[in-house]
C-alpha atoms as a PDB file:
ATOM      1  CA  MET A   1       6.615  -0.091   2.689  1.00  0.00           C
ATOM      2  CA  THR A   2       8.536   1.252  -0.251  1.00  0.00           C
ATOM      3  CA  LYS A   3      12.114   2.365  -0.489  1.00  0.00           C
ATOM      4  CA  GLU A   4      12.287   6.031  -1.383  1.00  0.00           C
ATOM      5  CA  LYS A   5      14.961   7.755  -3.400  1.00  0.00           C
ATOM      6  CA  ALA A   6      17.094  10.542  -1.981  1.00  0.00           C
ATOM      7  CA  THR A   7      15.803  14.095  -1.850  1.00  0.00           C
ATOM      8  CA  SER A   8      16.191  15.849  -5.189  1.00  0.00           C
ATOM      9  CA  PRO A   9      18.711  18.700  -5.345  1.00  0.00           C
ATOM     10  CA  GLU A  10      15.872  21.133  -6.158  1.00  0.00           C
ATOM     11  CA  LYS A  11      13.800  20.096  -3.141  1.00  0.00           C
ATOM     12  CA  LYS A  12      16.865  20.141  -0.875  1.00  0.00           C
ATOM     13  CA  ALA A  13      17.689  23.711  -1.988  1.00  0.00           C
ATOM     14  CA  ALA A  14      14.080  24.834  -1.443  1.00  0.00           C
ATOM     15  CA  LEU A  15      13.972  23.314   2.052  1.00  0.00           C
ATOM     16  CA  GLU A  16      17.277  24.941   2.962  1.00  0.00           C
ATOM     17  CA  THR A  17      15.917  28.294   1.752  1.00  0.00           C
ATOM     18  CA  ILE A  18      12.867  27.835   3.986  1.00  0.00           C
ATOM     19  CA  ARG A  19      15.203  27.081   6.903  1.00  0.00           C
ATOM     20  CA  SER A  20      17.100  30.313   6.299  1.00  0.00           C
ATOM     21  CA  GLU A  21      13.872  32.349   6.084  1.00  0.00           C
ATOM     22  CA  PHE A  22      12.388  31.055   9.367  1.00  0.00           C
ATOM     23  CA  LYS A  23      15.206  31.379  11.897  1.00  0.00           C
ATOM     24  CA  GLY A  24      15.218  30.084  15.457  1.00  0.00           C
ATOM     25  CA  ASN A  25      15.202  26.809  17.361  1.00  0.00           C
ATOM     26  CA  GLY A  26      11.955  27.226  19.261  1.00  0.00           C
ATOM     27  CA  SER A  27       8.931  25.063  18.538  1.00  0.00           C
ATOM     28  CA  ARG A  28       7.120  28.034  16.945  1.00  0.00           C
ATOM     29  CA  SER A  29       9.961  28.559  14.427  1.00  0.00           C
ATOM     30  CA  GLN A  30      10.174  24.837  13.735  1.00  0.00           C
ATOM     31  CA  ARG A  31       6.420  24.653  13.111  1.00  0.00           C
ATOM     32  CA  ALA A  32       6.626  27.652  10.775  1.00  0.00           C
ATOM     33  CA  ARG A  33       9.423  26.021   8.755  1.00  0.00           C
ATOM     34  CA  LEU A  34       7.617  22.707   8.610  1.00  0.00           C
ATOM     35  CA  LEU A  35       4.294  24.276   7.638  1.00  0.00           C
ATOM     36  CA  GLU A  36       5.912  26.322   4.866  1.00  0.00           C
ATOM     37  CA  ALA A  37       7.624  23.199   3.538  1.00  0.00           C
ATOM     38  CA  LEU A  38       4.385  21.190   3.721  1.00  0.00           C
ATOM     39  CA  SER A  39       2.593  23.881   1.737  1.00  0.00           C
ATOM     40  CA  ARG A  40       4.955  23.047  -1.146  1.00  0.00           C
ATOM     41  CA  TYR A  41       5.991  19.397  -0.704  1.00  0.00           C
ATOM     42  CA  SER A  42       5.439  16.214   1.186  1.00  0.00           C
ATOM     43  CA  VAL A  43       8.224  15.989   3.764  1.00  0.00           C
ATOM     44  CA  THR A  44       9.847  12.983   5.436  1.00  0.00           C
ATOM     45  CA  THR A  45      11.088  12.925   9.004  1.00  0.00           C
ATOM     46  CA  PHE A  46      14.663  12.770   7.680  1.00  0.00           C
ATOM     47  CA  GLU A  47      14.148  15.772   5.378  1.00  0.00           C
ATOM     48  CA  ALA A  48      12.722  17.785   8.270  1.00  0.00           C
ATOM     49  CA  MET A  49      15.743  16.945  10.405  1.00  0.00           C
ATOM     50  CA  ARG A  50      18.408  17.406   7.756  1.00  0.00           C
ATOM     51  CA  TYR A  51      17.183  20.387   5.779  1.00  0.00           C
ATOM     52  CA  LEU A  52      14.669  22.208   7.993  1.00  0.00           C
ATOM     53  CA  ASP A  53      16.428  21.797  11.364  1.00  0.00           C
ATOM     54  CA  VAL A  54      13.303  20.226  12.903  1.00  0.00           C
ATOM     55  CA  TYR A  55      14.650  17.529  15.200  1.00  0.00           C
ATOM     56  CA  HIS A  56      11.454  16.076  16.592  1.00  0.00           C
ATOM     57  CA  CYS A  57       9.182  16.193  13.600  1.00  0.00           C
ATOM     58  CA  PRO A  58       6.373  14.026  15.076  1.00  0.00           C
ATOM     59  CA  ALA A  59       5.959  16.507  17.949  1.00  0.00           C
ATOM     60  CA  ARG A  60       5.762  19.482  15.566  1.00  0.00           C
ATOM     61  CA  ILE A  61       3.255  17.581  13.376  1.00  0.00           C
ATOM     62  CA  LEU A  62       1.120  16.843  16.450  1.00  0.00           C
ATOM     63  CA  GLN A  63       1.189  20.528  17.411  1.00  0.00           C
ATOM     64  CA  LEU A  64       0.139  21.552  13.902  1.00  0.00           C
ATOM     65  CA  ARG A  65      -2.683  19.004  13.971  1.00  0.00           C
ATOM     66  CA  LYS A  66      -3.869  20.438  17.292  1.00  0.00           C
ATOM     67  CA  GLN A  67      -3.967  23.848  15.566  1.00  0.00           C
ATOM     68  CA  GLY A  68      -6.378  22.353  13.034  1.00  0.00           C
ATOM     69  CA  TYR A  69      -4.112  21.394  10.141  1.00  0.00           C
ATOM     70  CA  LYS A  70      -4.997  18.119   8.465  1.00  0.00           C
ATOM     71  CA  ILE A  71      -1.717  16.276   7.925  1.00  0.00           C
ATOM     72  CA  ALA A  72      -1.579  12.680   6.737  1.00  0.00           C
ATOM     73  CA  THR A  73       1.255  10.318   7.597  1.00  0.00           C
ATOM     74  CA  HIS A  74       2.384   7.717   5.091  1.00  0.00           C
ATOM     75  CA  TRP A  75       5.029   5.212   6.180  1.00  0.00           C
ATOM     76  CA  GLN A  76       7.969   4.403   3.977  1.00  0.00           C
ATOM     77  CA  THR A  77      11.427   2.913   4.195  1.00  0.00           C
ATOM     78  CA  VAL A  78      14.374   5.132   3.327  1.00  0.00           C
ATOM     79  CA  GLU A  79      18.034   4.298   3.106  1.00  0.00           C
ATOM     80  CA  THR A  80      20.532   6.530   4.865  1.00  0.00           C
ATOM     81  CA  GLU A  81      23.924   7.528   3.541  1.00  0.00           C
ATOM     82  CA  SER A  82      25.431   4.621   5.500  1.00  0.00           C
ATOM     83  CA  GLY A  83      23.190   2.148   3.710  1.00  0.00           C
ATOM     84  CA  GLU A  84      20.930   1.463   6.703  1.00  0.00           C
ATOM     85  CA  LYS A  85      17.186   1.288   6.119  1.00  0.00           C
ATOM     86  CA  HIS A  86      14.771   3.160   8.379  1.00  0.00           C
ATOM     87  CA  ARG A  87      10.990   3.367   8.522  1.00  0.00           C
ATOM     88  CA  VAL A  88      10.014   7.039   8.527  1.00  0.00           C
ATOM     89  CA  GLY A  89       6.911   9.130   8.196  1.00  0.00           C
ATOM     90  CA  LEU A  90       6.139  11.035   5.025  1.00  0.00           C
ATOM     91  CA  TYR A  91       3.901  13.970   5.951  1.00  0.00           C
ATOM     92  CA  VAL A  92       1.371  15.454   3.537  1.00  0.00           C
ATOM     93  CA  LEU A  93      -0.656  18.606   4.210  1.00  0.00           C
ATOM     94  CA  GLU A  94      -4.248  17.852   3.212  1.00  0.00           C
ATOM     95  CA  GLY A  95      -6.101  20.770   4.714  1.00  0.00           C
ATOM     96  CA  GLN A  96      -5.828  23.979   6.715  1.00  0.00           C
ATOM     97  CA  PRO A  97      -7.907  25.175   9.667  1.00  0.00           C
END
């Protein structure tokens, strides 16, 4: 496991723009936000929660996989603002249905 750096300001702004473009709290809206983000970047569980408003990222990833998207999970350790370390998934879109 590697310790990752914080999200860049550019990526944070792009993810927040995606969040504003795909409104709603339903699983369909969350999947749309996550898929749009994955088409541009790899996304961690924390980034999905903080910037995309996707609060159960593994469930949305599973749903996307069931729709035929090939999404890889890479594990890494990230440090939160409080200094605590957490093992989180880094999701990478590798293929579309």
